[in-house]
N, C-alpha and C. Protein backbone atom coordinates (compact mmCIF):
# COMPACT_ATOMS: atom_id res chain seq x y z
N MET A 1 -0.51 32.07 8.69
CA MET A 1 -1.30 30.89 8.45
C MET A 1 -0.42 29.65 8.44
N THR A 2 0.81 29.77 8.76
CA THR A 2 1.71 28.63 8.68
C THR A 2 1.61 27.70 9.86
N ASP A 3 0.89 28.06 10.88
CA ASP A 3 0.76 27.21 12.04
C ASP A 3 0.03 25.92 11.68
N PRO A 4 0.55 24.75 12.10
CA PRO A 4 -0.09 23.48 11.75
C PRO A 4 -1.52 23.34 12.28
N VAL A 5 -1.80 23.91 13.44
CA VAL A 5 -3.17 23.83 13.98
C VAL A 5 -4.12 24.61 13.07
N ARG A 6 -3.68 25.78 12.62
CA ARG A 6 -4.54 26.56 11.73
C ARG A 6 -4.75 25.84 10.41
N ARG A 7 -3.71 25.21 9.89
CA ARG A 7 -3.87 24.43 8.66
C ARG A 7 -4.87 23.30 8.87
N ASP A 8 -4.78 22.64 10.01
CA ASP A 8 -5.72 21.55 10.31
C ASP A 8 -7.15 22.07 10.47
N ILE A 9 -7.29 23.23 11.07
CA ILE A 9 -8.63 23.84 11.21
C ILE A 9 -9.20 24.13 9.82
N ILE A 10 -8.38 24.69 8.95
CA ILE A 10 -8.83 24.98 7.58
C ILE A 10 -9.26 23.70 6.89
N GLU A 11 -8.47 22.65 7.07
CA GLU A 11 -8.83 21.37 6.45
C GLU A 11 -10.17 20.85 6.98
N LEU A 12 -10.37 20.93 8.30
CA LEU A 12 -11.65 20.50 8.88
C LEU A 12 -12.81 21.29 8.31
N LEU A 13 -12.64 22.61 8.26
CA LEU A 13 -13.73 23.47 7.80
C LEU A 13 -13.95 23.37 6.30
N SER A 14 -12.97 22.86 5.58
CA SER A 14 -13.17 22.68 4.14
C SER A 14 -14.14 21.54 3.87
N LYS A 15 -14.36 20.70 4.86
CA LYS A 15 -15.26 19.55 4.70
C LYS A 15 -16.66 19.83 5.23
N GLU A 16 -16.74 20.68 6.27
CA GLU A 16 -18.04 20.96 6.87
C GLU A 16 -17.98 22.18 7.78
N THR A 17 -19.12 22.78 8.02
CA THR A 17 -19.25 23.87 8.97
C THR A 17 -19.26 23.26 10.37
N LEU A 18 -18.50 23.82 11.28
CA LEU A 18 -18.41 23.29 12.63
C LEU A 18 -18.56 24.39 13.66
N THR A 19 -19.01 24.01 14.85
CA THR A 19 -19.05 24.96 15.95
C THR A 19 -17.65 25.10 16.53
N VAL A 20 -17.44 26.18 17.26
CA VAL A 20 -16.16 26.40 17.91
C VAL A 20 -15.85 25.23 18.84
N ASN A 21 -16.84 24.77 19.59
CA ASN A 21 -16.63 23.64 20.52
C ASN A 21 -16.26 22.37 19.76
N SER A 22 -16.90 22.12 18.63
CA SER A 22 -16.59 20.93 17.84
C SER A 22 -15.15 20.96 17.35
N ILE A 23 -14.71 22.13 16.95
CA ILE A 23 -13.32 22.28 16.50
C ILE A 23 -12.37 22.04 17.67
N ALA A 24 -12.65 22.66 18.80
CA ALA A 24 -11.78 22.54 19.97
C ALA A 24 -11.63 21.09 20.42
N LYS A 25 -12.68 20.30 20.31
CA LYS A 25 -12.63 18.90 20.74
C LYS A 25 -11.69 18.05 19.89
N LYS A 26 -11.38 18.51 18.71
CA LYS A 26 -10.55 17.73 17.78
C LYS A 26 -9.05 17.95 17.99
N PHE A 27 -8.69 18.83 18.91
CA PHE A 27 -7.29 19.17 19.13
C PHE A 27 -6.91 18.98 20.59
N GLU A 28 -5.64 18.74 20.81
CA GLU A 28 -5.13 18.56 22.16
C GLU A 28 -4.51 19.84 22.70
N VAL A 29 -5.02 20.96 22.24
CA VAL A 29 -4.59 22.25 22.78
C VAL A 29 -5.78 22.86 23.51
N SER A 30 -5.53 23.86 24.30
CA SER A 30 -6.58 24.45 25.12
C SER A 30 -7.64 25.15 24.26
N ARG A 31 -8.80 25.28 24.82
CA ARG A 31 -9.89 25.99 24.15
C ARG A 31 -9.49 27.43 23.85
N PRO A 32 -8.85 28.15 24.80
CA PRO A 32 -8.41 29.51 24.49
C PRO A 32 -7.42 29.56 23.31
N ALA A 33 -6.56 28.55 23.20
CA ALA A 33 -5.62 28.51 22.08
C ALA A 33 -6.37 28.36 20.76
N ILE A 34 -7.38 27.49 20.75
CA ILE A 34 -8.19 27.31 19.54
C ILE A 34 -8.91 28.62 19.21
N SER A 35 -9.43 29.29 20.23
CA SER A 35 -10.10 30.57 20.00
C SER A 35 -9.16 31.59 19.37
N LYS A 36 -7.89 31.60 19.79
CA LYS A 36 -6.91 32.52 19.20
C LYS A 36 -6.66 32.17 17.73
N HIS A 37 -6.54 30.87 17.44
CA HIS A 37 -6.35 30.45 16.04
C HIS A 37 -7.54 30.87 15.19
N LEU A 38 -8.74 30.66 15.72
CA LEU A 38 -9.95 31.03 14.98
C LEU A 38 -10.02 32.55 14.77
N LYS A 39 -9.59 33.30 15.78
CA LYS A 39 -9.59 34.76 15.67
C LYS A 39 -8.66 35.20 14.53
N ILE A 40 -7.49 34.60 14.45
CA ILE A 40 -6.54 34.94 13.39
C ILE A 40 -7.12 34.59 12.02
N LEU A 41 -7.72 33.41 11.90
CA LEU A 41 -8.32 33.00 10.63
C LEU A 41 -9.47 33.93 10.25
N LYS A 42 -10.22 34.39 11.24
CA LYS A 42 -11.33 35.32 10.98
C LYS A 42 -10.79 36.68 10.56
N GLU A 43 -9.74 37.16 11.23
CA GLU A 43 -9.14 38.45 10.87
C GLU A 43 -8.57 38.42 9.45
N CYS A 44 -8.08 37.27 9.03
CA CYS A 44 -7.56 37.10 7.66
C CYS A 44 -8.67 36.84 6.66
N GLU A 45 -9.89 36.78 7.16
CA GLU A 45 -11.09 36.53 6.35
C GLU A 45 -11.09 35.17 5.67
N ILE A 46 -10.37 34.22 6.26
CA ILE A 46 -10.35 32.85 5.74
C ILE A 46 -11.58 32.10 6.24
N ILE A 47 -12.06 32.49 7.42
CA ILE A 47 -13.31 31.91 7.93
C ILE A 47 -14.24 33.03 8.34
N THR A 48 -15.51 32.68 8.44
CA THR A 48 -16.49 33.57 9.04
C THR A 48 -17.13 32.82 10.19
N MET A 49 -17.69 33.56 11.11
CA MET A 49 -18.39 32.97 12.25
C MET A 49 -19.80 33.51 12.28
N GLU A 50 -20.72 32.61 12.54
CA GLU A 50 -22.12 33.00 12.61
C GLU A 50 -22.70 32.50 13.93
N GLN A 51 -23.28 33.43 14.68
CA GLN A 51 -23.89 33.10 15.96
C GLN A 51 -25.29 32.55 15.70
N GLN A 52 -25.55 31.36 16.24
CA GLN A 52 -26.89 30.76 16.18
C GLN A 52 -27.22 30.28 17.58
N GLY A 53 -28.03 31.06 18.27
CA GLY A 53 -28.33 30.74 19.66
C GLY A 53 -27.08 30.93 20.50
N ARG A 54 -26.71 29.88 21.23
CA ARG A 54 -25.53 29.97 22.09
C ARG A 54 -24.26 29.48 21.39
N GLN A 55 -24.41 29.02 20.16
CA GLN A 55 -23.27 28.45 19.46
C GLN A 55 -22.78 29.36 18.35
N ARG A 56 -21.46 29.30 18.12
CA ARG A 56 -20.85 30.02 17.00
C ARG A 56 -20.39 29.00 15.98
N PHE A 57 -20.87 29.14 14.77
CA PHE A 57 -20.51 28.24 13.69
C PHE A 57 -19.42 28.88 12.84
N CYS A 58 -18.43 28.07 12.48
CA CYS A 58 -17.31 28.54 11.66
C CYS A 58 -17.45 27.96 10.26
N MET A 59 -17.30 28.84 9.28
CA MET A 59 -17.40 28.44 7.87
C MET A 59 -16.18 28.96 7.12
N ILE A 60 -15.66 28.14 6.25
CA ILE A 60 -14.50 28.54 5.46
C ILE A 60 -14.94 29.44 4.31
N GLN A 61 -14.07 30.35 3.93
CA GLN A 61 -14.29 31.24 2.79
C GLN A 61 -13.22 30.88 1.74
N PRO A 62 -13.48 29.85 0.94
CA PRO A 62 -12.43 29.33 0.04
C PRO A 62 -11.86 30.35 -0.92
N LYS A 63 -12.64 31.30 -1.36
CA LYS A 63 -12.13 32.31 -2.31
C LYS A 63 -11.01 33.14 -1.70
N LYS A 64 -11.01 33.27 -0.38
CA LYS A 64 -9.98 34.05 0.29
C LYS A 64 -8.63 33.32 0.29
N LEU A 65 -8.64 32.02 0.00
CA LEU A 65 -7.40 31.24 -0.04
C LEU A 65 -6.71 31.33 -1.40
N ILE A 66 -7.41 31.81 -2.41
CA ILE A 66 -6.84 31.85 -3.76
C ILE A 66 -5.52 32.62 -3.81
N PRO A 67 -5.41 33.82 -3.20
CA PRO A 67 -4.12 34.52 -3.24
C PRO A 67 -2.97 33.68 -2.63
N ALA A 68 -3.26 32.95 -1.57
CA ALA A 68 -2.23 32.11 -0.96
C ALA A 68 -1.81 31.00 -1.92
N PHE A 69 -2.77 30.39 -2.59
CA PHE A 69 -2.44 29.33 -3.55
C PHE A 69 -1.64 29.88 -4.72
N LEU A 70 -1.98 31.06 -5.18
CA LEU A 70 -1.23 31.67 -6.28
C LEU A 70 0.20 31.99 -5.86
N TRP A 71 0.36 32.47 -4.64
CA TRP A 71 1.69 32.78 -4.14
C TRP A 71 2.53 31.51 -4.03
N ILE A 72 1.93 30.46 -3.49
CA ILE A 72 2.64 29.18 -3.34
C ILE A 72 2.99 28.61 -4.70
N ASP A 73 2.07 28.70 -5.64
CA ASP A 73 2.27 28.12 -6.96
C ASP A 73 3.47 28.71 -7.68
N GLN A 74 3.72 30.00 -7.47
CA GLN A 74 4.86 30.62 -8.16
C GLN A 74 6.19 30.05 -7.68
N TYR A 75 6.23 29.49 -6.49
CA TYR A 75 7.46 28.90 -5.97
C TYR A 75 7.52 27.39 -6.17
N LYS A 76 6.44 26.80 -6.59
CA LYS A 76 6.38 25.35 -6.76
C LYS A 76 7.45 24.86 -7.74
N GLN A 77 7.52 25.47 -8.92
CA GLN A 77 8.49 25.04 -9.93
C GLN A 77 9.92 25.26 -9.44
N LEU A 78 10.16 26.36 -8.77
CA LEU A 78 11.49 26.64 -8.23
C LEU A 78 11.93 25.52 -7.30
N TRP A 79 11.06 25.12 -6.37
CA TRP A 79 11.43 24.08 -5.41
C TRP A 79 11.50 22.71 -6.07
N GLU A 80 10.66 22.45 -7.05
CA GLU A 80 10.76 21.18 -7.76
C GLU A 80 12.09 21.09 -8.49
N ASP A 81 12.51 22.19 -9.11
CA ASP A 81 13.81 22.21 -9.79
C ASP A 81 14.96 22.00 -8.80
N ARG A 82 14.87 22.66 -7.67
CA ARG A 82 15.93 22.50 -6.66
C ARG A 82 15.99 21.07 -6.14
N LEU A 83 14.84 20.47 -5.91
CA LEU A 83 14.82 19.09 -5.44
C LEU A 83 15.34 18.13 -6.51
N ASP A 84 15.00 18.39 -7.77
CA ASP A 84 15.53 17.56 -8.86
C ASP A 84 17.05 17.69 -8.93
N ASN A 85 17.57 18.91 -8.81
CA ASN A 85 19.02 19.11 -8.84
C ASN A 85 19.70 18.40 -7.67
N PHE A 86 19.08 18.47 -6.51
CA PHE A 86 19.64 17.79 -5.34
C PHE A 86 19.63 16.27 -5.55
N GLU A 87 18.57 15.75 -6.10
CA GLU A 87 18.48 14.32 -6.38
C GLU A 87 19.57 13.90 -7.37
N ASN A 88 19.78 14.71 -8.41
CA ASN A 88 20.85 14.43 -9.38
C ASN A 88 22.21 14.44 -8.71
N TYR A 89 22.43 15.39 -7.83
CA TYR A 89 23.69 15.47 -7.09
C TYR A 89 23.91 14.22 -6.25
N LEU A 90 22.86 13.77 -5.57
CA LEU A 90 22.97 12.56 -4.75
C LEU A 90 23.28 11.34 -5.61
N HIS A 91 22.68 11.27 -6.79
CA HIS A 91 22.95 10.16 -7.70
C HIS A 91 24.41 10.19 -8.16
N GLN A 92 24.93 11.39 -8.41
CA GLN A 92 26.34 11.51 -8.82
C GLN A 92 27.26 11.04 -7.70
N LEU A 93 26.94 11.44 -6.47
CA LEU A 93 27.76 10.99 -5.33
C LEU A 93 27.70 9.48 -5.18
N GLN A 94 26.51 8.94 -5.34
CA GLN A 94 26.33 7.49 -5.23
C GLN A 94 27.14 6.77 -6.31
N SER A 95 27.12 7.30 -7.51
CA SER A 95 27.89 6.71 -8.62
C SER A 95 29.37 6.73 -8.33
N LYS A 96 29.87 7.82 -7.78
CA LYS A 96 31.29 7.93 -7.42
C LYS A 96 31.65 6.92 -6.35
N ASN A 97 30.78 6.76 -5.37
CA ASN A 97 31.03 5.80 -4.30
C ASN A 97 30.97 4.37 -4.80
N ASP A 98 30.10 4.10 -5.75
CA ASP A 98 29.99 2.74 -6.32
C ASP A 98 31.24 2.37 -7.11
N LYS A 99 31.93 3.36 -7.69
CA LYS A 99 33.12 3.11 -8.50
C LYS A 99 34.33 2.80 -7.62
N HIS A 100 34.30 3.28 -6.38
CA HIS A 100 35.45 3.07 -5.51
C HIS A 100 35.33 1.79 -4.79
């Protein structure tokens, strides 16, 4: 799910249900590429597709994203700490350079 197009598709579908064609029109990649992204999201059960006449509607399944959010959250503090340490290091370097 790390692909930026898939993340953008998830963001679009979090706001509204869209047809496959509507989704494809919002991207500068081929329709077959969008279909592959949608297939992956469907296989991961992040979206569902419903056939209505000739159109397929895509709907997000937000509860399926909870495990991903929980996994990300466990690393959030770790990365915040690392970034804080890096910022402190940069400040120390800056202080040394200012003294010279």
